[in-house]
Amino acid sequence: MTIETGSDGTPGRAPTSGSGGGLRERKKRDTSERIFEVATRLFAEHGYSHVTTQQIAEVAEVGTGTLFRYIGSKAELLVKVMNERLRLGTEQGIELARQGASPTDAILAMLAPLGTESLAHPENTIVYQRETLFGSGPHRDLAAQRLSQVEDAIRAVLQLHTDRGVGLRTADLADVAHVIYATVYMDLVRVGVGRASVADLPERIRHSISFLVENLVPNPA
């Protein structure tokens, strides 16, 4: 038994047969959603290392055995939580770009979940990135897929900025999007390992994105 997820690894509703889907399936779905909501709150409040699976189980009102049947591991659960936060950030960034926001503001909104986690609990971001790079199993693949989608969304924001094709080619914009994400990633890592100030992180990320956009992406004609 696993958490019901969508194609990107975020919680979703499983297909059901019949109008109600059956009491058993509804109970499984409700338990999955409750575990996810509790984990999201506890990771945000206390940080990854200060949250135990026992604590998640108690607050979610399930047994630890049941918890592990749903989540696999604590790291996997954090990946699912961060995937969902990045999905929401990506949607917000794209919408801001469509409304005419600057690429810097739109990309900042998109990456806000990573920045927010680094400000409150740097380890949450570090664990997420570690699982993406060095983890194993399906949760690592889902995290890598989500980050790839973030880069695609950054490219889409840049494409909107260049007036739907005026300026750089789409292939070039994909390279720029990759550079932007990689640079912000290093800004986050430096904070996570204590090589840069947490307080300086928001301005550091804004400067990195703004500098790269201004120097690598032409203004619309």
N, C-alpha and C. Protein backbone atom coordinates (compact mmCIF):
# COMPACT_ATOMS: atom_id res chain seq x y z
N MET A 1 0.84 -1.19 0.00
CA MET A 1 0.00 0.00 0.00
C MET A 1 0.88 1.24 0.00
N THR A 2 0.60 2.17 -0.87
CA THR A 2 1.40 3.38 -0.97
C THR A 2 0.52 4.60 -1.01
N ILE A 3 1.12 5.77 -0.78
CA ILE A 3 0.37 7.01 -0.92
C ILE A 3 -0.09 7.15 -2.35
N GLU A 4 -1.35 7.47 -2.54
CA GLU A 4 -1.86 7.70 -3.88
C GLU A 4 -1.23 8.98 -4.42
N THR A 5 -0.62 8.89 -5.59
CA THR A 5 0.06 10.05 -6.15
C THR A 5 -0.31 10.26 -7.59
N GLY A 6 -0.06 11.49 -8.04
CA GLY A 6 -0.20 11.80 -9.45
C GLY A 6 1.05 11.40 -10.18
N SER A 7 1.17 11.74 -11.44
CA SER A 7 2.32 11.36 -12.26
C SER A 7 3.60 12.01 -11.79
N ASP A 8 3.51 13.13 -11.04
CA ASP A 8 4.71 13.81 -10.58
C ASP A 8 5.04 13.49 -9.14
N GLY A 9 4.34 12.50 -8.55
CA GLY A 9 4.67 12.09 -7.20
C GLY A 9 3.98 12.88 -6.12
N THR A 10 3.07 13.77 -6.47
CA THR A 10 2.36 14.53 -5.47
C THR A 10 1.05 13.85 -5.14
N PRO A 11 0.53 14.08 -3.93
CA PRO A 11 -0.69 13.38 -3.54
C PRO A 11 -1.84 13.67 -4.49
N GLY A 12 -2.58 12.67 -4.79
CA GLY A 12 -3.72 12.85 -5.68
C GLY A 12 -4.78 11.81 -5.37
N ARG A 13 -5.87 11.94 -5.98
CA ARG A 13 -6.96 10.99 -5.73
C ARG A 13 -6.88 9.83 -6.72
N ALA A 14 -6.97 8.65 -6.18
CA ALA A 14 -6.88 7.47 -7.01
C ALA A 14 -8.17 7.28 -7.80
N PRO A 15 -8.07 6.65 -8.99
CA PRO A 15 -9.29 6.36 -9.74
C PRO A 15 -10.20 5.46 -8.93
N THR A 16 -11.46 5.65 -9.03
CA THR A 16 -12.40 4.84 -8.29
C THR A 16 -13.41 4.21 -9.23
N SER A 17 -13.95 3.10 -8.80
CA SER A 17 -15.00 2.45 -9.58
C SER A 17 -16.33 2.79 -8.95
N GLY A 18 -17.28 3.16 -9.74
CA GLY A 18 -18.57 3.56 -9.22
C GLY A 18 -18.53 4.99 -8.73
N SER A 19 -19.67 5.48 -8.30
CA SER A 19 -19.79 6.87 -7.93
C SER A 19 -19.04 7.18 -6.65
N GLY A 20 -19.06 6.30 -5.65
CA GLY A 20 -18.44 6.60 -4.37
C GLY A 20 -17.04 6.08 -4.24
N GLY A 21 -16.66 5.12 -5.04
CA GLY A 21 -15.32 4.57 -4.96
C GLY A 21 -15.15 3.55 -3.86
N GLY A 22 -16.17 3.36 -3.03
CA GLY A 22 -16.07 2.35 -1.99
C GLY A 22 -15.50 2.92 -0.71
N LEU A 23 -16.00 2.44 0.42
CA LEU A 23 -15.57 2.93 1.73
C LEU A 23 -14.08 2.68 1.96
N ARG A 24 -13.59 1.53 1.53
CA ARG A 24 -12.19 1.19 1.75
C ARG A 24 -11.26 2.14 1.02
N GLU A 25 -11.58 2.43 -0.24
CA GLU A 25 -10.73 3.34 -1.01
C GLU A 25 -10.78 4.75 -0.45
N ARG A 26 -11.95 5.19 0.00
CA ARG A 26 -12.05 6.52 0.59
C ARG A 26 -11.23 6.61 1.89
N LYS A 27 -11.26 5.55 2.67
CA LYS A 27 -10.49 5.53 3.91
C LYS A 27 -9.00 5.59 3.62
N LYS A 28 -8.56 4.83 2.63
CA LYS A 28 -7.14 4.87 2.25
C LYS A 28 -6.74 6.26 1.78
N ARG A 29 -7.59 6.87 0.97
CA ARG A 29 -7.30 8.20 0.46
C ARG A 29 -7.24 9.22 1.60
N ASP A 30 -8.19 9.13 2.51
CA ASP A 30 -8.22 10.07 3.64
C ASP A 30 -6.98 9.90 4.53
N THR A 31 -6.57 8.66 4.76
CA THR A 31 -5.39 8.41 5.58
C THR A 31 -4.14 8.97 4.90
N SER A 32 -4.03 8.73 3.60
CA SER A 32 -2.89 9.24 2.83
C SER A 32 -2.81 10.76 2.91
N GLU A 33 -3.93 11.42 2.71
CA GLU A 33 -3.95 12.88 2.73
C GLU A 33 -3.64 13.42 4.12
N ARG A 34 -4.13 12.72 5.16
CA ARG A 34 -3.87 13.18 6.52
C ARG A 34 -2.39 13.06 6.86
N ILE A 35 -1.76 11.96 6.49
CA ILE A 35 -0.33 11.78 6.73
C ILE A 35 0.46 12.87 6.01
N PHE A 36 0.09 13.14 4.78
CA PHE A 36 0.80 14.15 4.00
C PHE A 36 0.66 15.53 4.63
N GLU A 37 -0.54 15.89 5.03
CA GLU A 37 -0.78 17.20 5.63
C GLU A 37 -0.01 17.36 6.95
N VAL A 38 0.01 16.32 7.76
CA VAL A 38 0.74 16.37 9.03
C VAL A 38 2.23 16.51 8.78
N ALA A 39 2.76 15.73 7.85
CA ALA A 39 4.19 15.80 7.56
C ALA A 39 4.57 17.17 7.02
N THR A 40 3.75 17.74 6.15
CA THR A 40 4.02 19.07 5.62
C THR A 40 4.15 20.08 6.75
N ARG A 41 3.23 20.04 7.69
CA ARG A 41 3.24 20.99 8.81
C ARG A 41 4.43 20.77 9.73
N LEU A 42 4.70 19.51 10.07
CA LEU A 42 5.78 19.23 11.02
C LEU A 42 7.15 19.54 10.43
N PHE A 43 7.38 19.20 9.16
CA PHE A 43 8.66 19.54 8.53
C PHE A 43 8.86 21.05 8.50
N ALA A 44 7.79 21.79 8.22
CA ALA A 44 7.88 23.25 8.15
C ALA A 44 8.13 23.86 9.52
N GLU A 45 7.55 23.28 10.55
CA GLU A 45 7.68 23.84 11.89
C GLU A 45 8.99 23.46 12.58
N HIS A 46 9.45 22.24 12.38
CA HIS A 46 10.56 21.74 13.18
C HIS A 46 11.82 21.37 12.39
N GLY A 47 11.71 21.16 11.10
CA GLY A 47 12.86 20.72 10.31
C GLY A 47 12.96 19.21 10.26
N TYR A 48 13.57 18.72 9.22
CA TYR A 48 13.61 17.28 8.92
C TYR A 48 14.16 16.44 10.08
N SER A 49 15.32 16.81 10.62
CA SER A 49 15.97 15.97 11.63
C SER A 49 15.25 15.97 12.97
N HIS A 50 14.38 16.97 13.20
CA HIS A 50 13.68 17.08 14.47
C HIS A 50 12.26 16.51 14.40
N VAL A 51 11.95 15.89 13.28
CA VAL A 51 10.65 15.24 13.13
C VAL A 51 10.89 13.74 13.00
N THR A 52 10.20 12.95 13.79
CA THR A 52 10.34 11.50 13.73
C THR A 52 9.11 10.88 13.07
N THR A 53 9.30 9.69 12.55
CA THR A 53 8.15 8.99 11.98
C THR A 53 7.13 8.66 13.06
N GLN A 54 7.61 8.42 14.29
CA GLN A 54 6.69 8.17 15.40
C GLN A 54 5.80 9.40 15.64
N GLN A 55 6.41 10.58 15.58
CA GLN A 55 5.67 11.82 15.79
C GLN A 55 4.62 12.01 14.69
N ILE A 56 5.03 11.78 13.44
CA ILE A 56 4.09 11.91 12.32
C ILE A 56 2.91 10.96 12.51
N ALA A 57 3.23 9.71 12.89
CA ALA A 57 2.18 8.71 13.07
C ALA A 57 1.21 9.12 14.18
N GLU A 58 1.76 9.62 15.30
CA GLU A 58 0.90 9.99 16.42
C GLU A 58 -0.03 11.15 16.06
N VAL A 59 0.53 12.19 15.41
CA VAL A 59 -0.29 13.35 15.06
C VAL A 59 -1.33 12.98 14.00
N ALA A 60 -0.93 12.09 13.08
CA ALA A 60 -1.86 11.65 12.03
C ALA A 60 -2.84 10.59 12.51
N GLU A 61 -2.61 10.11 13.75
CA GLU A 61 -3.49 9.12 14.37
C GLU A 61 -3.52 7.81 13.59
N VAL A 62 -2.30 7.34 13.25
CA VAL A 62 -2.16 6.03 12.63
C VAL A 62 -1.02 5.30 13.34
N GLY A 63 -0.98 3.99 13.22
CA GLY A 63 0.12 3.23 13.77
C GLY A 63 1.37 3.39 12.93
N THR A 64 2.54 3.15 13.54
CA THR A 64 3.79 3.30 12.78
C THR A 64 3.87 2.29 11.64
N GLY A 65 3.34 1.10 11.86
CA GLY A 65 3.33 0.12 10.79
C GLY A 65 2.51 0.59 9.60
N THR A 66 1.35 1.17 9.90
CA THR A 66 0.51 1.74 8.84
C THR A 66 1.23 2.87 8.14
N LEU A 67 1.90 3.73 8.93
CA LEU A 67 2.62 4.87 8.34
C LEU A 67 3.62 4.39 7.30
N PHE A 68 4.43 3.40 7.64
CA PHE A 68 5.47 2.95 6.71
C PHE A 68 4.89 2.26 5.48
N ARG A 69 3.71 1.67 5.62
CA ARG A 69 3.07 1.09 4.43
C ARG A 69 2.66 2.17 3.45
N TYR A 70 2.39 3.37 3.98
CA TYR A 70 1.98 4.49 3.12
C TYR A 70 3.15 5.29 2.59
N ILE A 71 4.20 5.51 3.38
CA ILE A 71 5.24 6.47 2.99
C ILE A 71 6.54 5.85 2.53
N GLY A 72 6.85 4.62 2.92
CA GLY A 72 8.13 4.02 2.54
C GLY A 72 9.24 4.44 3.48
N SER A 73 9.54 5.74 3.58
CA SER A 73 10.57 6.25 4.47
C SER A 73 10.32 7.72 4.74
N LYS A 74 10.97 8.26 5.78
CA LYS A 74 10.81 9.69 6.08
C LYS A 74 11.36 10.53 4.94
N ALA A 75 12.49 10.13 4.36
CA ALA A 75 13.07 10.89 3.25
C ALA A 75 12.12 10.93 2.06
N GLU A 76 11.48 9.80 1.80
CA GLU A 76 10.53 9.75 0.69
C GLU A 76 9.36 10.69 0.93
N LEU A 77 8.92 10.77 2.18
CA LEU A 77 7.81 11.66 2.51
C LEU A 77 8.21 13.12 2.34
N LEU A 78 9.44 13.48 2.75
CA LEU A 78 9.91 14.85 2.53
C LEU A 78 9.95 15.18 1.05
N VAL A 79 10.41 14.24 0.24
CA VAL A 79 10.45 14.46 -1.21
C VAL A 79 9.05 14.76 -1.73
N LYS A 80 8.06 14.01 -1.30
CA LYS A 80 6.69 14.23 -1.75
C LYS A 80 6.18 15.60 -1.30
N VAL A 81 6.52 15.98 -0.06
CA VAL A 81 6.11 17.29 0.44
C VAL A 81 6.74 18.41 -0.40
N MET A 82 8.03 18.31 -0.66
CA MET A 82 8.72 19.35 -1.42
C MET A 82 8.27 19.36 -2.88
N ASN A 83 8.00 18.19 -3.43
CA ASN A 83 7.50 18.13 -4.81
C ASN A 83 6.20 18.92 -4.95
N GLU A 84 5.32 18.76 -3.96
CA GLU A 84 4.04 19.46 -4.02
C GLU A 84 4.25 20.96 -3.86
N ARG A 85 5.13 21.37 -2.97
CA ARG A 85 5.38 22.80 -2.78
C ARG A 85 5.99 23.41 -4.04
N LEU A 86 6.90 22.68 -4.68
CA LEU A 86 7.48 23.19 -5.92
C LEU A 86 6.44 23.24 -7.04
N ARG A 87 5.54 22.29 -7.06
CA ARG A 87 4.48 22.31 -8.08
C ARG A 87 3.65 23.59 -7.94
N LEU A 88 3.27 23.91 -6.70
CA LEU A 88 2.48 25.11 -6.47
C LEU A 88 3.27 26.37 -6.80
N GLY A 89 4.56 26.39 -6.45
CA GLY A 89 5.40 27.54 -6.77
C GLY A 89 5.55 27.73 -8.27
N THR A 90 5.69 26.61 -8.98
CA THR A 90 5.81 26.68 -10.43
C THR A 90 4.56 27.27 -11.06
N GLU A 91 3.41 26.83 -10.61
CA GLU A 91 2.15 27.36 -11.14
C GLU A 91 2.04 28.86 -10.88
N GLN A 92 2.44 29.29 -9.68
CA GLN A 92 2.35 30.70 -9.34
C GLN A 92 3.29 31.53 -10.22
N GLY A 93 4.52 31.03 -10.42
CA GLY A 93 5.49 31.76 -11.23
C GLY A 93 5.03 31.92 -12.67
N ILE A 94 4.49 30.86 -13.25
CA ILE A 94 3.98 30.93 -14.62
C ILE A 94 2.83 31.93 -14.72
N GLU A 95 1.94 31.90 -13.73
CA GLU A 95 0.79 32.81 -13.75
C GLU A 95 1.26 34.26 -13.63
N LEU A 96 2.24 34.53 -12.78
CA LEU A 96 2.77 35.88 -12.65
C LEU A 96 3.38 36.35 -13.97
N ALA A 97 4.10 35.46 -14.64
CA ALA A 97 4.71 35.82 -15.93
C ALA A 97 3.64 36.15 -16.95
N ARG A 98 2.56 35.39 -16.96
CA ARG A 98 1.46 35.65 -17.89
C ARG A 98 0.79 36.98 -17.61
N GLN A 99 0.82 37.40 -16.35
CA GLN A 99 0.22 38.67 -15.97
C GLN A 99 1.16 39.86 -16.20
N GLY A 100 2.38 39.57 -16.69
CA GLY A 100 3.30 40.65 -17.02
C GLY A 100 4.39 40.91 -16.01
N ALA A 101 4.53 40.06 -14.99
CA ALA A 101 5.60 40.23 -14.02
C ALA A 101 6.96 40.06 -14.70
N SER A 102 7.98 40.64 -14.11
CA SER A 102 9.33 40.50 -14.66
C SER A 102 9.79 39.05 -14.52
N PRO A 103 10.70 38.60 -15.39
CA PRO A 103 11.22 37.23 -15.24
C PRO A 103 11.80 36.98 -13.86
N THR A 104 12.50 37.97 -13.31
CA THR A 104 13.10 37.79 -11.98
C THR A 104 12.03 37.51 -10.94
N ASP A 105 10.96 38.31 -10.93
CA ASP A 105 9.89 38.12 -9.94
C ASP A 105 9.16 36.80 -10.15
N ALA A 106 8.93 36.44 -11.40
CA ALA A 106 8.23 35.19 -11.69
C ALA A 106 9.07 33.98 -11.26
N ILE A 107 10.36 34.02 -11.55
CA ILE A 107 11.24 32.89 -11.19
C ILE A 107 11.44 32.83 -9.68
N LEU A 108 11.51 33.99 -9.04
CA LEU A 108 11.60 34.01 -7.58
C LEU A 108 10.38 33.33 -6.95
N ALA A 109 9.20 33.63 -7.46
CA ALA A 109 7.99 33.00 -6.94
C ALA A 109 8.03 31.50 -7.16
N MET A 110 8.56 31.10 -8.29
CA MET A 110 8.65 29.68 -8.64
C MET A 110 9.56 28.92 -7.68
N LEU A 111 10.67 29.56 -7.30
CA LEU A 111 11.67 28.92 -6.45
C LEU A 111 11.48 29.27 -4.98
N ALA A 112 10.43 30.01 -4.67
CA ALA A 112 10.18 30.42 -3.29
C ALA A 112 10.13 29.25 -2.30
N PRO A 113 9.53 28.10 -2.66
CA PRO A 113 9.51 26.99 -1.70
C PRO A 113 10.91 26.57 -1.25
N LEU A 114 11.86 26.51 -2.18
CA LEU A 114 13.22 26.13 -1.80
C LEU A 114 13.86 27.22 -0.94
N GLY A 115 13.63 28.48 -1.31
CA GLY A 115 14.20 29.57 -0.54
C GLY A 115 13.61 29.65 0.85
N THR A 116 12.30 29.46 0.95
CA THR A 116 11.63 29.52 2.24
C THR A 116 12.11 28.40 3.16
N GLU A 117 12.24 27.20 2.63
CA GLU A 117 12.75 26.09 3.43
C GLU A 117 14.17 26.35 3.90
N SER A 118 15.00 26.95 3.05
CA SER A 118 16.38 27.23 3.42
C SER A 118 16.46 28.29 4.51
N LEU A 119 15.54 29.25 4.49
CA LEU A 119 15.53 30.28 5.52
C LEU A 119 15.12 29.69 6.87
N ALA A 120 14.09 28.86 6.87
CA ALA A 120 13.57 28.32 8.12
C ALA A 120 14.36 27.09 8.59
N HIS A 121 14.58 26.16 7.68
CA HIS A 121 15.27 24.91 8.02
C HIS A 121 16.13 24.49 6.83
N PRO A 122 17.37 24.99 6.73
CA PRO A 122 18.22 24.66 5.59
C PRO A 122 18.33 23.17 5.30
N GLU A 123 18.26 22.36 6.36
CA GLU A 123 18.41 20.92 6.17
C GLU A 123 17.30 20.34 5.30
N ASN A 124 16.09 20.92 5.34
CA ASN A 124 15.02 20.40 4.50
C ASN A 124 15.41 20.45 3.02
N THR A 125 15.97 21.58 2.61
CA THR A 125 16.41 21.71 1.23
C THR A 125 17.58 20.80 0.93
N ILE A 126 18.52 20.71 1.87
CA ILE A 126 19.69 19.87 1.66
C ILE A 126 19.29 18.40 1.51
N VAL A 127 18.41 17.93 2.38
CA VAL A 127 17.95 16.53 2.28
C VAL A 127 17.23 16.30 0.97
N TYR A 128 16.40 17.25 0.56
CA TYR A 128 15.67 17.11 -0.71
C TYR A 128 16.63 17.01 -1.89
N GLN A 129 17.62 17.91 -1.90
CA GLN A 129 18.59 17.88 -3.00
C GLN A 129 19.45 16.61 -2.93
N ARG A 130 19.78 16.18 -1.72
CA ARG A 130 20.57 14.95 -1.58
C ARG A 130 19.82 13.75 -2.13
N GLU A 131 18.53 13.67 -1.81
CA GLU A 131 17.74 12.56 -2.31
C GLU A 131 17.62 12.62 -3.83
N THR A 132 17.54 13.84 -4.37
CA THR A 132 17.46 14.00 -5.81
C THR A 132 18.74 13.51 -6.50
N LEU A 133 19.88 13.83 -5.89
CA LEU A 133 21.16 13.50 -6.52
C LEU A 133 21.63 12.09 -6.21
N PHE A 134 21.44 11.65 -4.95
CA PHE A 134 22.08 10.41 -4.52
C PHE A 134 21.12 9.36 -3.98
N GLY A 135 19.84 9.68 -3.91
CA GLY A 135 18.88 8.71 -3.40
C GLY A 135 18.66 7.57 -4.39
N SER A 136 17.83 6.65 -3.97
CA SER A 136 17.50 5.53 -4.85
C SER A 136 16.01 5.26 -4.78
N GLY A 137 15.53 4.54 -5.76
CA GLY A 137 14.12 4.20 -5.76
C GLY A 137 13.27 5.24 -6.44
N PRO A 138 11.98 5.01 -6.43
CA PRO A 138 11.06 5.87 -7.19
C PRO A 138 11.00 7.30 -6.68
N HIS A 139 11.21 7.53 -5.36
CA HIS A 139 11.11 8.89 -4.86
C HIS A 139 12.22 9.76 -5.40
N ARG A 140 13.40 9.19 -5.65
CA ARG A 140 14.48 9.97 -6.26
C ARG A 140 14.13 10.35 -7.68
N ASP A 141 13.57 9.41 -8.41
CA ASP A 141 13.18 9.71 -9.79
C ASP A 141 12.09 10.78 -9.85
N LEU A 142 11.17 10.73 -8.89
CA LEU A 142 10.09 11.73 -8.86
C LEU A 142 10.64 13.11 -8.52
N ALA A 143 11.62 13.16 -7.60
CA ALA A 143 12.24 14.45 -7.26
C ALA A 143 12.99 15.00 -8.46
N ALA A 144 13.74 14.15 -9.15
CA ALA A 144 14.48 14.60 -10.33
C ALA A 144 13.52 15.08 -11.42
N GLN A 145 12.40 14.39 -11.56
CA GLN A 145 11.40 14.80 -12.54
C GLN A 145 10.83 16.16 -12.19
N ARG A 146 10.55 16.40 -10.91
CA ARG A 146 9.99 17.68 -10.49
C ARG A 146 10.98 18.81 -10.76
N LEU A 147 12.26 18.60 -10.47
CA LEU A 147 13.25 19.65 -10.72
C LEU A 147 13.41 19.91 -12.21
N SER A 148 13.29 18.86 -13.01
CA SER A 148 13.32 19.06 -14.46
C SER A 148 12.14 19.89 -14.91
N GLN A 149 10.98 19.68 -14.28
CA GLN A 149 9.80 20.47 -14.62
C GLN A 149 9.97 21.93 -14.18
N VAL A 150 10.71 22.15 -13.08
CA VAL A 150 10.98 23.52 -12.65
C VAL A 150 11.83 24.23 -13.69
N GLU A 151 12.85 23.56 -14.21
CA GLU A 151 13.68 24.15 -15.27
C GLU A 151 12.82 24.44 -16.50
N ASP A 152 11.94 23.53 -16.85
CA ASP A 152 11.05 23.76 -18.00
C ASP A 152 10.18 24.99 -17.77
N ALA A 153 9.72 25.16 -16.52
CA ALA A 153 8.88 26.31 -16.20
C ALA A 153 9.68 27.61 -16.27
N ILE A 154 10.93 27.58 -15.83
CA ILE A 154 11.78 28.76 -15.94
C ILE A 154 11.96 29.13 -17.42
N ARG A 155 12.17 28.11 -18.25
CA ARG A 155 12.28 28.36 -19.69
C ARG A 155 11.00 28.99 -20.23
N ALA A 156 9.85 28.51 -19.77
CA ALA A 156 8.58 29.06 -20.24
C ALA A 156 8.43 30.53 -19.84
N VAL A 157 8.88 30.87 -18.64
CA VAL A 157 8.85 32.27 -18.20
C VAL A 157 9.73 33.13 -19.10
N LEU A 158 10.91 32.63 -19.41
CA LEU A 158 11.82 33.38 -20.28
C LEU A 158 11.24 33.53 -21.68
N GLN A 159 10.56 32.48 -22.13
CA GLN A 159 9.94 32.53 -23.45
C GLN A 159 8.86 33.61 -23.49
N LEU A 160 8.06 33.69 -22.43
CA LEU A 160 7.05 34.75 -22.36
C LEU A 160 7.71 36.13 -22.37
N HIS A 161 8.84 36.25 -21.70
CA HIS A 161 9.55 37.52 -21.64
C HIS A 161 10.06 37.95 -23.01
N THR A 162 10.47 36.99 -23.82
CA THR A 162 11.00 37.32 -25.15
C THR A 162 9.89 37.39 -26.19
N ASP A 163 8.66 37.59 -25.70
CA ASP A 163 7.51 37.84 -26.59
C ASP A 163 7.23 36.68 -27.51
N ARG A 164 7.13 35.50 -26.91
CA ARG A 164 6.71 34.29 -27.64
C ARG A 164 7.55 34.00 -28.88
N GLY A 165 8.84 34.00 -28.69
CA GLY A 165 9.73 33.58 -29.77
C GLY A 165 10.62 34.66 -30.30
N VAL A 166 10.36 35.93 -29.98
CA VAL A 166 11.24 37.00 -30.44
C VAL A 166 12.45 37.03 -29.51
N GLY A 167 13.61 36.85 -30.05
CA GLY A 167 14.81 36.81 -29.22
C GLY A 167 15.49 35.47 -29.34
N LEU A 168 15.85 34.87 -28.22
CA LEU A 168 16.54 33.60 -28.24
C LEU A 168 15.63 32.47 -28.69
N ARG A 169 16.24 31.46 -29.27
CA ARG A 169 15.49 30.27 -29.63
C ARG A 169 15.15 29.48 -28.36
N THR A 170 14.13 28.61 -28.46
CA THR A 170 13.71 27.82 -27.30
C THR A 170 14.86 26.99 -26.75
N ALA A 171 15.68 26.42 -27.65
CA ALA A 171 16.80 25.60 -27.19
C ALA A 171 17.77 26.43 -26.37
N ASP A 172 18.03 27.66 -26.78
CA ASP A 172 18.91 28.54 -26.03
C ASP A 172 18.32 28.86 -24.66
N LEU A 173 17.03 29.10 -24.62
CA LEU A 173 16.37 29.43 -23.37
C LEU A 173 16.43 28.26 -22.40
N ALA A 174 16.40 27.04 -22.89
CA ALA A 174 16.53 25.87 -22.03
C ALA A 174 17.89 25.88 -21.35
N ASP A 175 18.94 26.26 -22.07
CA ASP A 175 20.28 26.35 -21.48
C ASP A 175 20.33 27.43 -20.41
N VAL A 176 19.70 28.57 -20.70
CA VAL A 176 19.68 29.66 -19.72
C VAL A 176 18.91 29.23 -18.47
N ALA A 177 17.79 28.55 -18.66
CA ALA A 177 17.01 28.07 -17.52
C ALA A 177 17.82 27.14 -16.65
N HIS A 178 18.60 26.29 -17.29
CA HIS A 178 19.45 25.36 -16.54
C HIS A 178 20.50 26.12 -15.73
N VAL A 179 21.10 27.11 -16.34
CA VAL A 179 22.12 27.92 -15.64
C VAL A 179 21.50 28.65 -14.45
N ILE A 180 20.31 29.19 -14.64
CA ILE A 180 19.64 29.90 -13.55
C ILE A 180 19.37 28.96 -12.38
N TYR A 181 18.80 27.80 -12.68
CA TYR A 181 18.50 26.88 -11.58
C TYR A 181 19.77 26.41 -10.89
N ALA A 182 20.81 26.08 -11.68
CA ALA A 182 22.05 25.58 -11.10
C ALA A 182 22.69 26.64 -10.20
N THR A 183 22.61 27.90 -10.60
CA THR A 183 23.19 28.98 -9.79
C THR A 183 22.43 29.14 -8.48
N VAL A 184 21.11 29.15 -8.56
CA VAL A 184 20.30 29.26 -7.34
C VAL A 184 20.53 28.04 -6.44
N TYR A 185 20.66 26.88 -7.04
CA TYR A 185 20.95 25.67 -6.28
C TYR A 185 22.22 25.83 -5.45
N MET A 186 23.26 26.39 -6.06
CA MET A 186 24.51 26.58 -5.33
C MET A 186 24.35 27.63 -4.24
N ASP A 187 23.55 28.65 -4.47
CA ASP A 187 23.26 29.62 -3.41
C ASP A 187 22.62 28.92 -2.21
N LEU A 188 21.70 28.01 -2.48
CA LEU A 188 21.03 27.28 -1.41
C LEU A 188 21.97 26.33 -0.69
N VAL A 189 22.83 25.66 -1.45
CA VAL A 189 23.77 24.72 -0.85
C VAL A 189 24.75 25.45 0.07
N ARG A 190 25.23 26.60 -0.36
CA ARG A 190 26.18 27.35 0.46
C ARG A 190 25.57 27.72 1.80
N VAL A 191 24.30 28.08 1.80
CA VAL A 191 23.62 28.37 3.07
C VAL A 191 23.47 27.08 3.88
N GLY A 192 23.08 26.01 3.21
CA GLY A 192 22.84 24.75 3.91
C GLY A 192 24.06 24.18 4.60
N VAL A 193 25.26 24.41 4.04
CA VAL A 193 26.49 23.89 4.65
C VAL A 193 27.21 24.94 5.48
N GLY A 194 26.55 26.09 5.69
CA GLY A 194 27.12 27.10 6.56
C GLY A 194 28.17 27.98 5.94
N ARG A 195 28.23 28.04 4.61
CA ARG A 195 29.24 28.85 3.94
C ARG A 195 28.71 30.22 3.52
N ALA A 196 27.44 30.47 3.79
CA ALA A 196 26.85 31.77 3.46
C ALA A 196 25.76 32.05 4.49
N SER A 197 25.43 33.33 4.66
CA SER A 197 24.46 33.75 5.67
C SER A 197 23.03 33.45 5.23
N VAL A 198 22.25 32.89 6.15
CA VAL A 198 20.83 32.66 5.87
C VAL A 198 20.12 33.99 5.62
N ALA A 199 20.47 34.99 6.41
CA ALA A 199 19.81 36.29 6.29
C ALA A 199 20.02 36.93 4.92
N ASP A 200 21.15 36.63 4.29
CA ASP A 200 21.47 37.22 2.99
C ASP A 200 20.87 36.45 1.82
N LEU A 201 20.26 35.29 2.10
CA LEU A 201 19.81 34.41 1.02
C LEU A 201 18.80 35.05 0.08
N PRO A 202 17.74 35.69 0.56
CA PRO A 202 16.75 36.26 -0.39
C PRO A 202 17.38 37.23 -1.38
N GLU A 203 18.23 38.14 -0.88
CA GLU A 203 18.86 39.11 -1.78
C GLU A 203 19.86 38.44 -2.70
N ARG A 204 20.54 37.40 -2.19
CA ARG A 204 21.52 36.67 -3.01
C ARG A 204 20.83 35.98 -4.18
N ILE A 205 19.71 35.34 -3.91
CA ILE A 205 18.98 34.65 -4.98
C ILE A 205 18.43 35.65 -5.98
N ARG A 206 17.86 36.74 -5.49
CA ARG A 206 17.33 37.77 -6.40
C ARG A 206 18.44 38.31 -7.29
N HIS A 207 19.61 38.58 -6.70
CA HIS A 207 20.73 39.11 -7.49
C HIS A 207 21.16 38.10 -8.55
N SER A 208 21.26 36.82 -8.18
CA SER A 208 21.70 35.79 -9.13
C SER A 208 20.75 35.72 -10.32
N ILE A 209 19.45 35.65 -10.03
CA ILE A 209 18.47 35.54 -11.11
C ILE A 209 18.49 36.79 -11.98
N SER A 210 18.47 37.95 -11.35
CA SER A 210 18.44 39.21 -12.10
C SER A 210 19.68 39.36 -12.98
N PHE A 211 20.84 39.04 -12.44
CA PHE A 211 22.09 39.16 -13.20
C PHE A 211 22.06 38.25 -14.43
N LEU A 212 21.63 37.01 -14.25
CA LEU A 212 21.63 36.07 -15.37
C LEU A 212 20.59 36.45 -16.42
N VAL A 213 19.40 36.87 -15.97
CA VAL A 213 18.37 37.27 -16.93
C VAL A 213 18.84 38.48 -17.73
N GLU A 214 19.39 39.47 -17.06
CA GLU A 214 19.81 40.70 -17.74
C GLU A 214 20.94 40.46 -18.73
N ASN A 215 21.80 39.49 -18.44
CA ASN A 215 22.98 39.28 -19.27
C ASN A 215 22.83 38.15 -20.29
N LEU A 216 21.87 37.27 -20.09
CA LEU A 216 21.74 36.12 -20.99
C LEU A 216 20.46 36.15 -21.83
N VAL A 217 19.48 36.95 -21.43
CA VAL A 217 18.21 36.98 -22.15
C VAL A 217 17.98 38.39 -22.71
N PRO A 218 17.80 38.51 -24.01
CA PRO A 218 17.59 39.83 -24.58
C PRO A 218 16.22 40.37 -24.24
N ASN A 219 16.11 41.69 -24.12
CA ASN A 219 14.80 42.31 -23.93
C ASN A 219 13.98 42.17 -25.21
N PRO A 220 12.65 42.09 -25.08
CA PRO A 220 11.82 41.96 -26.27
C PRO A 220 12.04 43.16 -27.20
N ALA A 221 11.92 42.89 -28.50
CA ALA A 221 12.11 43.97 -29.48
C ALA A 221 10.99 44.98 -29.37
